[in-house]
Structure formats: structure tokens, C-alpha cells
Amino acid sequence: MRVAVPQFWGSNCDQDALHSLRDDLGVQASYVWYEETSLASFDGVFIPGGFSYGDYLRCGAIAARAPVMDAIRDMAQAGAPILGVCNGFQILCEAGLLPGALLRNESQRFNCRDVFVRAAQQDSLWTRGIEGVLRLPIAHMDGRYVCDAETLRELRAEHRIAYVYCTREGRLDPTANPNGSLLNVAGILNVKGNVLGMMPHPERATRKSFGYEDGLRVLSAFTRANIAV
């Protein structure tokens, strides 16, 4: 398994992504500049967080139009595992690879803390075998997931809500929702189930020295995909 980590102007979580994949998960990973037009040598993609292009226009709007995104679309269509975290989630939505949008937090404040999430289903590559509650960090200003009523109905009916914010005990509760996302949504999937966008940062929770390793359970989907191939 070889995973591409795209870099855009303003990316600042690309190193976290790369080292979590290489050093903690044990898969090959390499940076890919935003001008790249082919990802033929890669098996998956991790679009990192950060503030690509300074969040001008809208978060992720400029990065979504970078040349490398055409290659990422091709990989998504082919069924390759694609993960977008925080700004990466915003980019996936702006690129049309995931529905909906990420808007300003309800609090109107930047939110940087640990949260608890759980898999909303176990039908996908990204959630299979993940039981119980995960503790993961967040760091975002625009993390409130929204979509129209029809899209929300489809996400629920097709089991495409991947992760939800919850209490430490796993209960869905408005007080556990850090940004006001619809239905406590923390992450969603595309129709194929191979593209995941999520606001929490699994790449920052991969070592005991960090205080927790729950993020490895999410990132291990890359190795499961390799086995499936």
C-alpha cells in the first residue's frame, strides 16, 4: 500500500499525516505537490488538514480546483481509499466528492480540544470492526456539517454517516457536538464507501506518547484496503 499526501499552499497537517502513516501505521507514504496530474503509482490518498490557500473564498474552495484533484477523482471512482481530514474534508466537499458543506462553528469560535466519536455503522471500509468510543482531537473554525433535507435522507438511508460525535459513554447528545453539525455528524462517506471526510484528526492520536492511539483504528483502513486488493 502506497498513500499519497497532497500538499497545497497553506497545508499545515501534512507532516502529521505522513508520519502517522509511515511511522505508526507502517505503510509507504509520500508527499505529492498540488500541481501533480497523475497518482498512478499510489493506492490511496490522505488529504491533510490545514488552511489551504489561507481559507480564502471558502475553506477548501481553491484547493478543490488544484490539478491533483482530477487524479484524486479518478482514484475515488476506481474505488481507492481516500481520506480527507478537517480541511481535507472541506476540500472533498468543495470538489464534489462528498455532498454538503462545512460552515462556521455555531459558537463562532475556533474549537481546539479532544472529542469523543463512534462509528455510526460498520458497513464500510472506514468503519468496519470499529466498536466503542474513540477519543480524537479537533482543531477547526468551520466544522459544522450541513446539507439539504434530501441529501440528509440519503446519507441516513444509505448508511453513509460514518462517524458521529458522542459522549464519553457513547450517547448521542447535543452537548457532545462541538460545532453544531447536523445529527452530530463527524464524518461521512461517498456512495461507494471508499471516500471518507471527517473533522476530527486521527493522525494526531496514533501513539501512547500522544496520550491515545485511537486514531490508528481509523487509519488502519488503508491496510485493510491493501489486503482486499
Protein backbone atom coordinates (compact mmCIF):
# COMPACT_ATOMS: atom_id res chain seq x y z
CA MET A 1 0.00 0.00 0.00
CA ARG A 2 1.39 3.39 -1.01
CA VAL A 3 -0.50 6.51 0.10
CA ALA A 4 -0.24 9.99 -1.41
CA VAL A 5 -0.35 13.03 0.89
CA PRO A 6 -1.19 16.07 -1.29
CA GLN A 7 0.37 19.39 -0.32
CA PHE A 8 -1.30 22.72 -1.06
CA TRP A 9 -0.13 26.23 -0.23
CA GLY A 10 -1.13 26.64 3.41
CA SER A 11 -1.32 22.95 4.32
CA ASN A 12 -0.03 22.50 7.86
CA CYS A 13 -1.06 18.97 8.85
CA ASP A 14 0.73 17.22 6.00
CA GLN A 15 3.66 16.19 8.20
CA ASP A 16 1.29 14.75 10.81
CA ALA A 17 -0.40 12.74 8.08
CA LEU A 18 2.82 11.48 6.54
CA HIS A 19 4.46 10.38 9.79
CA SER A 20 1.33 8.75 11.18
CA LEU A 21 1.12 6.65 8.02
CA ARG A 22 4.84 5.84 7.76
CA ASP A 23 5.94 5.57 11.36
CA ASP A 24 2.80 4.49 13.20
CA LEU A 25 0.77 2.55 10.63
CA GLY A 26 3.72 1.17 8.69
CA VAL A 27 2.60 1.94 5.15
CA GLN A 28 4.53 3.74 2.44
CA ALA A 29 3.57 7.39 2.12
CA SER A 30 4.90 10.29 0.07
CA TYR A 31 4.12 13.97 -0.39
CA VAL A 32 2.55 14.97 -3.69
CA TRP A 33 2.60 18.60 -4.83
CA TYR A 34 -0.75 20.13 -5.80
CA GLU A 35 0.36 20.53 -9.44
CA GLU A 36 0.76 16.77 -9.93
CA THR A 37 -1.61 15.34 -12.56
CA SER A 38 -1.11 11.61 -12.04
CA LEU A 39 -1.26 9.38 -8.98
CA ALA A 40 -0.80 6.15 -10.90
CA SER A 41 1.90 4.90 -8.52
CA PHE A 42 -0.33 5.25 -5.43
CA ASP A 43 -3.03 3.05 -3.92
CA GLY A 44 -4.71 5.60 -1.66
CA VAL A 45 -4.81 9.28 -0.68
CA PHE A 46 -4.79 11.16 2.63
CA ILE A 47 -5.80 14.81 2.11
CA PRO A 48 -4.47 16.58 5.22
CA GLY A 49 -5.83 19.40 7.30
CA GLY A 50 -4.56 22.94 7.50
CA PHE A 51 -5.60 26.23 5.97
CA SER A 52 -5.06 25.65 2.25
CA TYR A 53 -4.73 28.97 0.45
CA GLY A 54 -5.50 30.79 3.71
CA ASP A 55 -9.16 29.66 3.58
CA TYR A 56 -9.83 32.44 1.08
CA LEU A 57 -13.20 32.39 -0.72
CA ARG A 58 -14.36 29.37 1.31
CA CYS A 59 -12.44 26.71 3.21
CA GLY A 60 -11.06 24.25 0.65
CA ALA A 61 -12.57 26.05 -2.36
CA ILE A 62 -9.26 26.88 -4.08
CA ALA A 63 -7.54 23.59 -3.27
CA ALA A 64 -10.56 21.72 -4.70
CA ARG A 65 -9.64 23.18 -8.09
CA ALA A 66 -5.97 22.21 -8.00
CA PRO A 67 -4.66 19.90 -10.77
CA VAL A 68 -4.07 16.99 -8.38
CA MET A 69 -7.80 16.81 -7.60
CA ASP A 70 -8.56 15.37 -11.05
CA ALA A 71 -6.24 12.47 -10.27
CA ILE A 72 -7.90 12.06 -6.86
CA ARG A 73 -11.31 11.96 -8.54
CA ASP A 74 -10.07 9.18 -10.82
CA MET A 75 -8.82 7.19 -7.83
CA ALA A 76 -12.09 7.70 -5.98
CA GLN A 77 -14.04 6.46 -8.99
CA ALA A 78 -11.80 3.41 -9.16
CA GLY A 79 -12.58 2.57 -5.53
CA ALA A 80 -9.27 3.53 -3.91
CA PRO A 81 -9.37 4.56 -0.22
CA ILE A 82 -9.47 8.36 0.09
CA LEU A 83 -9.39 10.11 3.46
CA GLY A 84 -9.86 13.85 3.94
CA VAL A 85 -9.38 15.23 7.46
CA CYS A 86 -10.52 18.69 8.62
CA ASN A 87 -9.52 20.96 5.71
CA GLY A 88 -9.28 17.75 3.69
CA PHE A 89 -12.98 17.12 4.44
CA GLN A 90 -13.77 20.67 3.32
CA ILE A 91 -11.79 20.11 0.11
CA LEU A 92 -13.67 16.87 -0.65
CA CYS A 93 -17.00 18.67 -0.28
CA GLU A 94 -15.88 21.62 -2.41
CA ALA A 95 -14.61 19.18 -5.06
CA GLY A 96 -17.98 17.41 -5.22
CA LEU A 97 -16.55 14.12 -3.98
CA LEU A 98 -18.75 14.36 -0.90
CA PRO A 99 -22.11 16.13 -0.51
CA GLY A 100 -22.89 19.05 1.76
CA ALA A 101 -20.64 21.74 3.19
CA LEU A 102 -18.70 22.71 6.31
CA LEU A 103 -19.78 26.05 7.77
CA ARG A 104 -18.65 28.23 10.66
CA ASN A 105 -18.99 26.59 14.08
CA GLU A 106 -22.18 27.50 15.92
CA SER A 107 -20.09 29.09 18.63
CA GLN A 108 -18.43 31.34 16.03
CA ARG A 109 -15.13 30.38 17.65
CA PHE A 110 -12.14 28.24 16.73
CA ASN A 111 -12.53 24.92 18.53
CA CYS A 112 -9.39 23.03 19.59
CA ARG A 113 -9.88 20.15 22.02
CA ASP A 114 -10.46 16.43 22.32
CA VAL A 115 -13.83 14.96 21.40
CA PHE A 116 -15.44 11.54 21.51
CA VAL A 117 -16.80 9.89 18.40
CA ARG A 118 -18.15 6.49 17.46
CA ALA A 119 -18.82 4.70 14.20
CA ALA A 120 -22.44 5.18 13.13
CA GLN A 121 -22.31 1.90 11.18
CA GLN A 122 -19.84 -0.84 10.37
CA ASP A 123 -20.70 -1.42 6.73
CA SER A 124 -17.78 0.43 5.15
CA LEU A 125 -14.05 0.07 4.76
CA TRP A 126 -13.58 3.04 7.09
CA THR A 127 -15.78 1.79 9.94
CA ARG A 128 -15.61 -1.99 9.76
CA GLY A 129 -14.68 -3.53 13.09
CA ILE A 130 -14.59 -0.20 14.93
CA GLU A 131 -16.63 -0.60 18.09
CA GLY A 132 -16.90 1.56 21.15
CA VAL A 133 -15.89 5.19 21.58
CA LEU A 134 -12.83 6.86 20.06
CA ARG A 135 -11.11 9.87 21.57
CA LEU A 136 -9.74 12.19 18.88
CA PRO A 137 -8.61 15.83 18.72
CA ILE A 138 -10.29 18.56 16.70
CA ALA A 139 -8.97 21.95 15.61
CA HIS A 140 -11.31 23.89 13.33
CA MET A 141 -13.30 27.07 12.85
CA ASP A 142 -15.55 25.79 10.07
CA GLY A 143 -16.55 22.27 11.07
CA ARG A 144 -20.36 22.45 11.16
CA TYR A 145 -21.61 19.91 8.64
CA VAL A 146 -24.76 20.92 6.77
CA CYS A 147 -26.70 19.63 3.77
CA ASP A 148 -30.21 19.82 2.38
CA ALA A 149 -33.01 17.58 3.64
CA GLU A 150 -32.88 15.22 0.66
CA THR A 151 -29.13 14.69 0.99
CA LEU A 152 -29.50 14.05 4.71
CA ARG A 153 -32.20 11.48 4.00
CA GLU A 154 -29.91 9.73 1.52
CA LEU A 155 -26.95 9.74 3.91
CA ARG A 156 -29.08 8.08 6.57
CA ALA A 157 -30.83 5.61 4.28
CA GLU A 158 -27.58 4.55 2.58
CA HIS A 159 -25.62 4.29 5.85
CA ARG A 160 -23.19 6.95 4.71
CA ILE A 161 -22.87 8.73 8.03
CA ALA A 162 -19.57 7.21 9.13
CA TYR A 163 -18.80 8.85 12.48
CA VAL A 164 -20.84 10.87 14.96
CA TYR A 165 -19.87 12.98 17.96
CA CYS A 166 -20.93 11.35 21.21
CA THR A 167 -20.41 11.43 24.95
CA ARG A 168 -17.62 9.51 26.64
CA GLU A 169 -20.19 6.74 27.18
CA GLY A 170 -21.20 6.69 23.51
CA ARG A 171 -24.53 8.51 23.78
CA LEU A 172 -25.64 10.93 21.08
CA ASP A 173 -26.19 14.21 22.86
CA PRO A 174 -26.23 17.84 21.69
CA THR A 175 -23.70 18.69 24.40
CA ALA A 176 -21.19 16.33 22.73
CA ASN A 177 -21.49 18.17 19.41
CA PRO A 178 -18.55 20.64 19.22
CA ASN A 179 -19.68 22.62 16.18
CA GLY A 180 -23.43 22.20 15.62
CA SER A 181 -23.22 19.64 12.80
CA LEU A 182 -26.49 18.09 11.68
CA LEU A 183 -27.22 14.86 13.58
CA ASN A 184 -23.85 15.17 15.37
CA VAL A 185 -22.11 14.24 12.10
CA ALA A 186 -18.33 13.96 12.45
CA GLY A 187 -17.66 12.15 9.15
CA ILE A 188 -19.47 11.00 6.02
CA LEU A 189 -18.87 8.64 3.08
CA ASN A 190 -19.38 8.77 -0.65
CA VAL A 191 -21.80 6.37 -2.37
CA LYS A 192 -19.09 3.73 -2.94
CA GLY A 193 -17.97 3.95 0.69
CA ASN A 194 -14.29 4.38 -0.19
CA VAL A 195 -14.10 8.16 0.37
CA LEU A 196 -14.29 9.40 3.96
CA GLY A 197 -14.32 13.01 5.10
CA MET A 198 -14.09 13.72 8.83
CA MET A 199 -13.34 16.75 11.01
CA PRO A 200 -11.51 15.02 13.92
CA HIS A 201 -7.80 14.28 13.41
CA PRO A 202 -6.99 10.54 13.66
CA GLU A 203 -3.39 11.24 12.61
CA ARG A 204 -2.84 13.13 15.87
CA ALA A 205 -3.89 10.19 18.02
CA THR A 206 -1.55 7.40 16.97
CA ARG A 207 0.93 6.93 19.82
CA LYS A 208 0.83 6.26 23.54
CA SER A 209 3.21 9.19 23.96
CA PHE A 210 0.47 11.41 22.48
CA GLY A 211 -1.90 10.16 25.16
CA TYR A 212 -4.01 7.94 22.93
CA GLU A 213 -3.82 5.66 19.90
CA ASP A 214 -7.47 5.63 18.81
CA GLY A 215 -6.63 7.27 15.50
CA LEU A 216 -4.82 4.15 14.32
CA ARG A 217 -8.15 2.33 14.27
CA VAL A 218 -9.37 4.76 11.62
CA LEU A 219 -6.15 4.90 9.61
CA SER A 220 -5.88 1.09 9.55
CA ALA A 221 -8.50 1.16 6.79
CA PHE A 222 -5.58 1.80 4.44
CA THR A 223 -4.06 -1.55 5.38
CA ARG A 224 -7.44 -3.30 5.15
CA ALA A 225 -7.85 -1.93 1.65
CA ASN A 226 -4.43 -3.33 0.72
CA ILE A 227 -5.47 -6.78 1.98
CA ALA A 228 -8.69 -6.57 0.00
CA VAL A 229 -6.73 -5.90 -3.19
